[in-house]
């Protein structure tokens, strides 16, 4: 990091990483047996390697006491998936101690994993591909995100925060099952299949004084698959959170939090399954903390109860499982059971 005067700071760096893959395989367990059977025809050959080199630079310029501009970029080069550039830029405006406006742009990426790139699958006795083949030609997934955040401090106790975002995801890695099998990769293999986009916003009203707090939060998210123009699987578009906290006495406080989630889209995204959208649900949580006033050996006692009403809620199955059909109906019709009531108690002494 180099600081040229008080107004300019440049940060830069470089590095390298090597991952040697000794073994990747899938072992099959049946009938609650604690010992695996013979490995399935799914493995990565020994001696595989994923290596990368990277370099980055970022410059921050404080134009005046209320305006700061940041720009930078990172370059990553992988032995299998090539070179990827990640630019970023930001503007921070703080015209007074009551208001703040932040404008951000950034690109992030996810390189293919060893599973997605190195695994080699052999056809079974019927010539079918029992697992998804890896693909050494995969490119990194990328996401370009534009964000805006505004904060208004009405007083030392009360503040309002709002934000908006828009993201484009490109070269997403997913299972590819072409009509005509690939000569080298077979009937199913990982590919960079397309794009999706997501947009949304959040609003928060916060009042806080010591351990006493009132926190109201609402967020909206909409995600679309650009290949099909269908609503992206599994995102609850509407989410609300209410948190109330009170200091009942010196060192002793209680908080109540309630989370509300709207229905999660699935029927449009996986029409073959015939399954409905994920049902909306809400969860309540309560926590308490006590800190003894002793200055010699202070004791802290924490207690929390998650899902205090023991509400029955379910998480959607992963997309690949949800869209599987057997004999004209969903192969896996039941979603995953959510966690019931859970109690945590902790004692800490310094």
Protein backbone atom coordinates (compact mmCIF):
# COMPACT_ATOMS: atom_id res chain seq x y z
CA UNK A 1 0.00 0.00 0.00
CA UNK A 2 1.33 3.43 -0.98
CA UNK A 3 -0.05 6.76 0.24
CA UNK A 4 0.77 9.73 -1.98
CA UNK A 5 -0.27 12.64 0.18
CA UNK A 6 -3.35 12.59 2.37
CA UNK A 7 -5.76 12.43 -0.60
CA UNK A 8 -4.47 9.39 -2.56
CA UNK A 9 -3.97 5.80 -1.41
CA UNK A 10 -3.01 2.93 -3.72
CA UNK A 11 -3.17 -0.71 -2.64
CA UNK A 12 -1.83 -3.57 -4.75
CA UNK A 13 -0.75 -7.18 -4.44
CA UNK A 14 -0.15 -10.49 -6.16
CA UNK A 15 -0.19 -14.17 -5.28
CA UNK A 16 -0.48 -17.74 -6.48
CA UNK A 17 -2.24 -20.90 -5.39
CA UNK A 18 -1.89 -24.60 -6.23
CA UNK A 19 -4.39 -27.34 -5.40
CA UNK A 20 -3.20 -30.91 -5.94
CA UNK A 21 -6.15 -33.30 -6.21
CA UNK A 22 -5.26 -36.64 -4.68
CA UNK A 23 -8.68 -38.25 -4.89
CA UNK A 24 -12.33 -37.41 -5.55
CA UNK A 25 -14.90 -40.16 -5.66
CA UNK A 26 -18.45 -40.99 -4.67
CA UNK A 27 -19.08 -43.93 -2.36
CA UNK A 28 -22.54 -45.48 -2.08
CA UNK A 29 -24.16 -46.21 1.31
CA UNK A 30 -27.30 -48.36 1.46
CA UNK A 31 -29.73 -49.45 4.20
CA UNK A 32 -28.21 -47.15 6.85
CA UNK A 33 -24.95 -49.07 6.54
CA UNK A 34 -22.07 -47.20 8.16
CA UNK A 35 -19.57 -48.67 5.71
CA UNK A 36 -19.54 -47.76 2.02
CA UNK A 37 -19.93 -50.20 -0.79
CA UNK A 38 -17.63 -50.25 -3.79
CA UNK A 39 -16.99 -46.79 -5.28
CA UNK A 40 -19.34 -45.78 -8.06
CA UNK A 41 -17.92 -45.02 -11.53
CA UNK A 42 -17.21 -41.41 -10.54
CA UNK A 43 -13.71 -40.23 -9.76
CA UNK A 44 -11.02 -37.69 -10.52
CA UNK A 45 -7.71 -39.12 -11.67
CA UNK A 46 -4.81 -38.65 -9.30
CA UNK A 47 -2.31 -36.00 -10.26
CA UNK A 48 -4.96 -33.44 -11.22
CA UNK A 49 -4.17 -29.87 -10.33
CA UNK A 50 -5.93 -26.51 -10.18
CA UNK A 51 -3.49 -23.61 -10.08
CA UNK A 52 -3.95 -19.89 -10.34
CA UNK A 53 -2.08 -16.60 -10.22
CA UNK A 54 -3.65 -13.26 -9.40
CA UNK A 55 -2.83 -9.57 -9.14
CA UNK A 56 -4.90 -6.59 -8.01
CA UNK A 57 -4.68 -2.83 -7.67
CA UNK A 58 -7.03 -0.28 -6.11
CA UNK A 59 -6.79 3.49 -5.82
CA UNK A 60 -8.80 5.74 -3.47
CA UNK A 61 -9.00 9.47 -4.05
CA UNK A 62 -10.53 11.80 -1.46
CA UNK A 63 -11.54 14.81 -3.56
CA UNK A 64 -12.69 16.77 -0.51
CA UNK A 65 -14.03 16.23 3.01
CA UNK A 66 -17.35 14.72 1.82
CA UNK A 67 -16.52 12.94 -1.47
CA UNK A 68 -14.39 9.80 -1.98
CA UNK A 69 -13.87 7.85 -5.23
CA UNK A 70 -12.43 4.34 -5.45
CA UNK A 71 -11.47 2.32 -8.52
CA UNK A 72 -9.60 -0.91 -9.05
CA UNK A 73 -9.32 -4.27 -10.76
CA UNK A 74 -8.16 -7.82 -10.15
CA UNK A 75 -6.83 -10.29 -12.72
CA UNK A 76 -6.92 -14.07 -12.12
CA UNK A 77 -5.36 -16.68 -14.41
CA UNK A 78 -6.26 -20.38 -14.00
CA UNK A 79 -4.52 -23.32 -15.63
CA UNK A 80 -7.84 -24.77 -16.89
CA UNK A 81 -10.38 -21.95 -17.07
CA UNK A 82 -8.21 -19.15 -18.44
CA UNK A 83 -7.95 -15.51 -17.40
CA UNK A 84 -10.64 -13.46 -15.68
CA UNK A 85 -10.76 -9.70 -14.95
CA UNK A 86 -12.76 -8.23 -12.06
CA UNK A 87 -13.14 -4.42 -12.11
CA UNK A 88 -14.70 -2.41 -9.30
CA UNK A 89 -15.64 1.22 -8.64
CA UNK A 90 -17.29 3.19 -5.87
CA UNK A 91 -18.42 6.68 -4.91
CA UNK A 92 -18.98 7.63 -1.27
CA UNK A 93 -20.70 10.92 -0.38
CA UNK A 94 -21.10 12.11 3.21
CA UNK A 95 -22.29 15.72 2.89
CA UNK A 96 -23.25 15.90 6.59
CA UNK A 97 -23.28 13.82 9.75
CA UNK A 98 -26.93 12.97 9.00
CA UNK A 99 -26.74 11.62 5.45
CA UNK A 100 -24.62 9.17 3.48
CA UNK A 101 -24.92 7.99 -0.13
CA UNK A 102 -22.90 5.10 -1.55
CA UNK A 103 -22.77 4.02 -5.23
CA UNK A 104 -20.95 0.77 -6.04
CA UNK A 105 -20.14 -1.43 -9.02
CA UNK A 106 -18.21 -4.67 -8.85
CA UNK A 107 -17.63 -7.93 -10.66
CA UNK A 108 -17.05 -11.17 -8.80
CA UNK A 109 -16.42 -14.68 -10.08
CA UNK A 110 -16.46 -18.31 -9.08
CA UNK A 111 -13.90 -20.58 -10.70
CA UNK A 112 -14.93 -24.17 -11.56
CA UNK A 113 -14.39 -26.61 -8.71
CA UNK A 114 -12.41 -29.82 -8.91
CA UNK A 115 -15.71 -31.72 -9.07
CA UNK A 116 -16.96 -29.65 -12.02
CA UNK A 117 -13.74 -29.71 -14.02
CA UNK A 118 -11.68 -32.82 -13.20
CA UNK A 119 -14.11 -35.69 -12.48
CA UNK A 120 -14.23 -38.41 -15.13
CA UNK A 121 -17.32 -40.62 -15.33
CA UNK A 122 -17.50 -43.86 -17.27
CA UNK A 123 -20.79 -45.16 -18.77
CA UNK A 124 -22.49 -48.04 -16.98
CA UNK A 125 -23.21 -51.47 -18.53
CA UNK A 126 -26.24 -50.04 -20.37
CA UNK A 127 -24.18 -47.22 -21.86
CA UNK A 128 -25.85 -44.57 -19.67
CA UNK A 129 -23.92 -41.89 -17.81
CA UNK A 130 -24.74 -42.48 -14.11
CA UNK A 131 -23.18 -39.18 -12.94
CA UNK A 132 -22.33 -35.80 -14.39
CA UNK A 133 -18.99 -35.61 -16.15
CA UNK A 134 -16.48 -32.87 -15.41
CA UNK A 135 -15.41 -30.46 -18.14
CA UNK A 136 -11.90 -28.98 -18.40
CA UNK A 137 -13.17 -26.28 -20.82
CA UNK A 138 -15.40 -24.58 -18.23
CA UNK A 139 -15.06 -20.83 -17.75
CA UNK A 140 -15.54 -19.05 -14.44
CA UNK A 141 -19.02 -17.91 -13.45
CA UNK A 142 -19.28 -14.15 -13.07
CA UNK A 143 -21.66 -11.65 -11.50
CA UNK A 144 -21.79 -7.90 -12.19
CA UNK A 145 -23.56 -5.98 -9.42
CA UNK A 146 -24.69 -2.36 -9.21
CA UNK A 147 -25.65 -1.09 -5.76
CA UNK A 148 -26.93 2.09 -4.17
CA UNK A 149 -27.27 2.67 -0.43
CA UNK A 150 -28.64 5.72 1.36
CA UNK A 151 -28.57 6.33 5.11
CA UNK A 152 -30.29 9.13 7.01
CA UNK A 153 -29.58 9.67 10.69
CA UNK A 154 -32.57 11.56 12.03
CA UNK A 155 -30.98 11.68 15.48
CA UNK A 156 -28.41 9.82 17.54
CA UNK A 157 -31.10 7.21 18.28
CA UNK A 158 -33.09 6.93 15.04
CA UNK A 159 -31.82 6.12 11.53
CA UNK A 160 -33.26 5.07 8.16
CA UNK A 161 -31.36 2.95 5.63
CA UNK A 162 -32.44 1.96 2.13
CA UNK A 163 -30.63 0.15 -0.67
CA UNK A 164 -31.19 -1.05 -4.25
CA UNK A 165 -29.23 -3.61 -6.30
CA UNK A 166 -29.18 -5.07 -9.79
CA UNK A 167 -27.06 -8.09 -10.76
CA UNK A 168 -26.31 -10.02 -13.95
CA UNK A 169 -24.94 -13.56 -13.58
CA UNK A 170 -23.09 -14.90 -16.65
CA UNK A 171 -21.57 -18.23 -17.72
CA UNK A 172 -23.43 -20.09 -14.96
CA UNK A 173 -22.17 -23.62 -14.45
CA UNK A 174 -24.89 -26.27 -14.46
CA UNK A 175 -25.62 -29.79 -15.64
CA UNK A 176 -25.96 -30.08 -19.42
CA UNK A 177 -27.96 -32.97 -20.95
CA UNK A 178 -27.84 -32.44 -24.73
CA UNK A 179 -30.09 -34.26 -27.19
CA UNK A 180 -27.00 -35.66 -28.90
CA UNK A 181 -24.29 -36.85 -26.46
CA UNK A 182 -20.86 -35.27 -26.71
CA UNK A 183 -18.20 -37.58 -28.15
CA UNK A 184 -15.82 -37.00 -25.23
CA UNK A 185 -18.05 -35.97 -22.30
CA UNK A 186 -21.04 -38.26 -22.86
CA UNK A 187 -24.74 -37.63 -22.20
CA UNK A 188 -24.45 -35.31 -19.19
CA UNK A 189 -21.66 -32.95 -18.20
CA UNK A 190 -21.10 -29.53 -16.67
CA UNK A 191 -21.28 -26.52 -19.01
CA UNK A 192 -21.53 -22.74 -18.94
CA UNK A 193 -25.23 -22.63 -19.75
CA UNK A 194 -26.41 -19.04 -19.69
CA UNK A 195 -27.42 -15.98 -17.75
CA UNK A 196 -29.79 -14.85 -15.04
CA UNK A 197 -30.48 -11.53 -13.41
CA UNK A 198 -31.68 -10.43 -9.99
CA UNK A 199 -32.84 -7.14 -8.59
CA UNK A 200 -34.24 -5.92 -5.35
CA UNK A 201 -34.09 -3.53 -2.48
CA UNK A 202 -34.16 -3.21 1.27
CA UNK A 203 -35.47 -0.67 3.77
CA UNK A 204 -34.61 -0.52 7.47
CA UNK A 205 -35.83 1.71 10.29
CA UNK A 206 -33.65 1.45 13.39
CA UNK A 207 -34.02 2.96 16.86
CA UNK A 208 -31.34 2.01 19.37
CA UNK A 209 -30.45 3.15 22.88
CA UNK A 210 -28.09 0.97 24.86
CA UNK A 211 -29.57 -2.56 24.91
CA UNK A 212 -33.00 -1.26 23.91
CA UNK A 213 -33.72 -1.57 20.18
CA UNK A 214 -36.53 -1.40 17.62
CA UNK A 215 -35.46 -2.72 14.21
CA UNK A 216 -37.93 -2.92 11.28
CA UNK A 217 -36.63 -4.41 8.02
CA UNK A 218 -38.23 -5.29 4.67
CA UNK A 219 -36.54 -6.65 1.55
CA UNK A 220 -37.69 -7.59 -1.94
CA UNK A 221 -35.81 -9.83 -4.40
CA UNK A 222 -36.79 -10.86 -7.92
CA UNK A 223 -34.58 -13.23 -9.90
CA UNK A 224 -35.15 -14.29 -13.52
CA UNK A 225 -33.50 -16.94 -15.66
CA UNK A 226 -32.68 -15.21 -18.95
CA UNK A 227 -32.73 -18.46 -20.94
CA UNK A 228 -36.40 -19.11 -20.14
CA UNK A 229 -37.65 -15.76 -18.71
CA UNK A 230 -38.99 -17.74 -15.77
CA UNK A 231 -38.82 -16.68 -12.14
CA UNK A 232 -35.70 -18.13 -10.55
CA UNK A 233 -36.24 -21.13 -8.34
CA UNK A 234 -36.44 -20.86 -4.59
CA UNK A 235 -36.08 -17.14 -3.77
CA UNK A 236 -38.76 -15.78 -1.40
CA UNK A 237 -39.53 -12.42 -3.07
CA UNK A 238 -40.72 -10.77 0.13
CA UNK A 239 -38.96 -10.95 3.50
CA UNK A 240 -39.72 -8.99 6.65
CA UNK A 241 -37.93 -8.86 9.99
CA UNK A 242 -38.99 -7.21 13.24
CA UNK A 243 -36.65 -7.04 16.23
CA UNK A 244 -37.53 -5.60 19.63
CA UNK A 245 -35.07 -5.35 22.50
CA UNK A 246 -35.29 -3.97 26.01
CA UNK A 247 -32.81 -3.46 28.84
CA UNK A 248 -34.86 -4.63 31.82
CA UNK A 249 -32.19 -3.83 34.40
CA UNK A 250 -28.50 -3.04 34.50
CA UNK A 251 -26.67 -5.75 32.55
CA UNK A 252 -29.84 -7.70 31.70
CA UNK A 253 -31.60 -7.43 28.34
CA UNK A 254 -34.11 -9.38 26.26
CA UNK A 255 -34.66 -9.41 22.49
CA UNK A 256 -37.52 -10.75 20.38
CA UNK A 257 -37.13 -11.26 16.64
CA UNK A 258 -39.79 -12.29 14.14
CA UNK A 259 -38.99 -13.28 10.54
CA UNK A 260 -41.64 -13.55 7.81
CA UNK A 261 -41.01 -15.16 4.40
CA UNK A 262 -43.35 -15.13 1.41
CA UNK A 263 -44.09 -18.08 -0.87
CA UNK A 264 -41.04 -19.30 -2.84
CA UNK A 265 -41.59 -19.74 -6.59
CA UNK A 266 -41.27 -23.26 -7.89
CA UNK A 267 -44.29 -24.14 -10.05
CA UNK A 268 -43.17 -21.82 -12.86
CA UNK A 269 -39.52 -22.83 -12.60
CA UNK A 270 -40.04 -26.63 -12.49
CA UNK A 271 -43.28 -27.31 -14.40
CA UNK A 272 -42.38 -30.97 -14.97
CA UNK A 273 -42.52 -31.74 -11.26
CA UNK A 274 -46.12 -30.63 -10.72
CA UNK A 275 -45.09 -29.38 -7.28
CA UNK A 276 -46.58 -26.15 -5.88
CA UNK A 277 -44.71 -23.07 -4.75
CA UNK A 278 -43.01 -23.28 -1.38
CA UNK A 279 -45.46 -22.27 1.34
CA UNK A 280 -44.87 -18.98 3.18
CA UNK A 281 -43.84 -19.23 6.83
CA UNK A 282 -42.71 -17.17 9.80
CA UNK A 283 -40.33 -17.89 12.67
CA UNK A 284 -40.00 -16.26 16.08
CA UNK A 285 -36.85 -16.15 18.19
CA UNK A 286 -36.15 -14.81 21.66
CA UNK A 287 -32.85 -14.25 23.44
CA UNK A 288 -31.65 -12.90 26.77
CA UNK A 289 -28.23 -11.88 28.06
CA UNK A 290 -27.03 -11.12 31.58
CA UNK A 291 -23.67 -9.57 32.41
CA UNK A 292 -22.74 -9.44 36.08
CA UNK A 293 -21.53 -6.06 37.36
CA UNK A 294 -18.48 -7.64 39.01
CA UNK A 295 -15.29 -6.08 37.67
CA UNK A 296 -13.02 -8.85 38.99
CA UNK A 297 -14.49 -11.97 37.32
CA UNK A 298 -17.43 -10.81 35.20
CA UNK A 299 -19.91 -13.54 34.29
CA UNK A 300 -21.99 -13.50 31.11
CA UNK A 301 -25.02 -15.76 30.71
CA UNK A 302 -26.67 -16.04 27.29
CA UNK A 303 -29.89 -17.89 26.50
CA UNK A 304 -31.77 -18.06 23.21
CA UNK A 305 -34.75 -19.99 21.91
CA UNK A 306 -35.05 -20.27 18.12
CA UNK A 307 -38.44 -21.03 16.56
CA UNK A 308 -40.18 -20.44 19.88
CA UNK A 309 -43.58 -21.63 18.55
CA UNK A 310 -42.05 -24.80 17.07
CA UNK A 311 -43.54 -23.79 13.70
CA UNK A 312 -43.64 -26.44 10.98
CA UNK A 313 -41.73 -25.13 7.96
CA UNK A 314 -39.92 -26.71 5.04
CA UNK A 315 -37.03 -25.87 2.73
CA UNK A 316 -37.33 -26.59 -0.98
CA UNK A 317 -35.36 -29.45 -2.45
CA UNK A 318 -32.44 -28.59 -4.69
CA UNK A 319 -33.48 -27.87 -8.28
CA UNK A 320 -32.04 -31.07 -9.79
CA UNK A 321 -34.02 -33.21 -7.31
CA UNK A 322 -37.21 -31.16 -7.60
CA UNK A 323 -37.46 -31.46 -11.38
CA UNK A 324 -36.97 -35.24 -11.49
CA UNK A 325 -40.12 -37.06 -12.60
CA UNK A 326 -40.87 -40.76 -12.17
CA UNK A 327 -44.02 -42.40 -13.57
CA UNK A 328 -45.53 -39.00 -14.35
CA UNK A 329 -45.11 -37.43 -10.91
CA UNK A 330 -42.34 -35.83 -8.85
CA UNK A 331 -39.71 -38.37 -7.85
CA UNK A 332 -39.11 -36.49 -4.57
CA UNK A 333 -42.46 -34.96 -3.54
CA UNK A 334 -41.47 -34.08 0.03
CA UNK A 335 -39.48 -30.96 0.89
CA UNK A 336 -36.86 -30.83 3.63
CA UNK A 337 -38.15 -30.43 7.17
CA UNK A 338 -37.02 -27.19 8.80
CA UNK A 339 -35.53 -27.05 12.26
CA UNK A 340 -37.95 -27.04 15.19
CA UNK A 341 -37.56 -25.31 18.54
CA UNK A 342 -33.93 -25.11 19.67
CA UNK A 343 -32.62 -23.83 23.03
CA UNK A 344 -29.07 -22.54 23.52
CA UNK A 345 -27.54 -21.68 26.91
CA UNK A 346 -23.99 -20.40 27.36
CA UNK A 347 -21.91 -19.30 30.34
CA UNK A 348 -18.77 -17.20 29.93
CA UNK A 349 -16.39 -15.98 32.59
CA UNK A 350 -13.43 -13.78 31.79
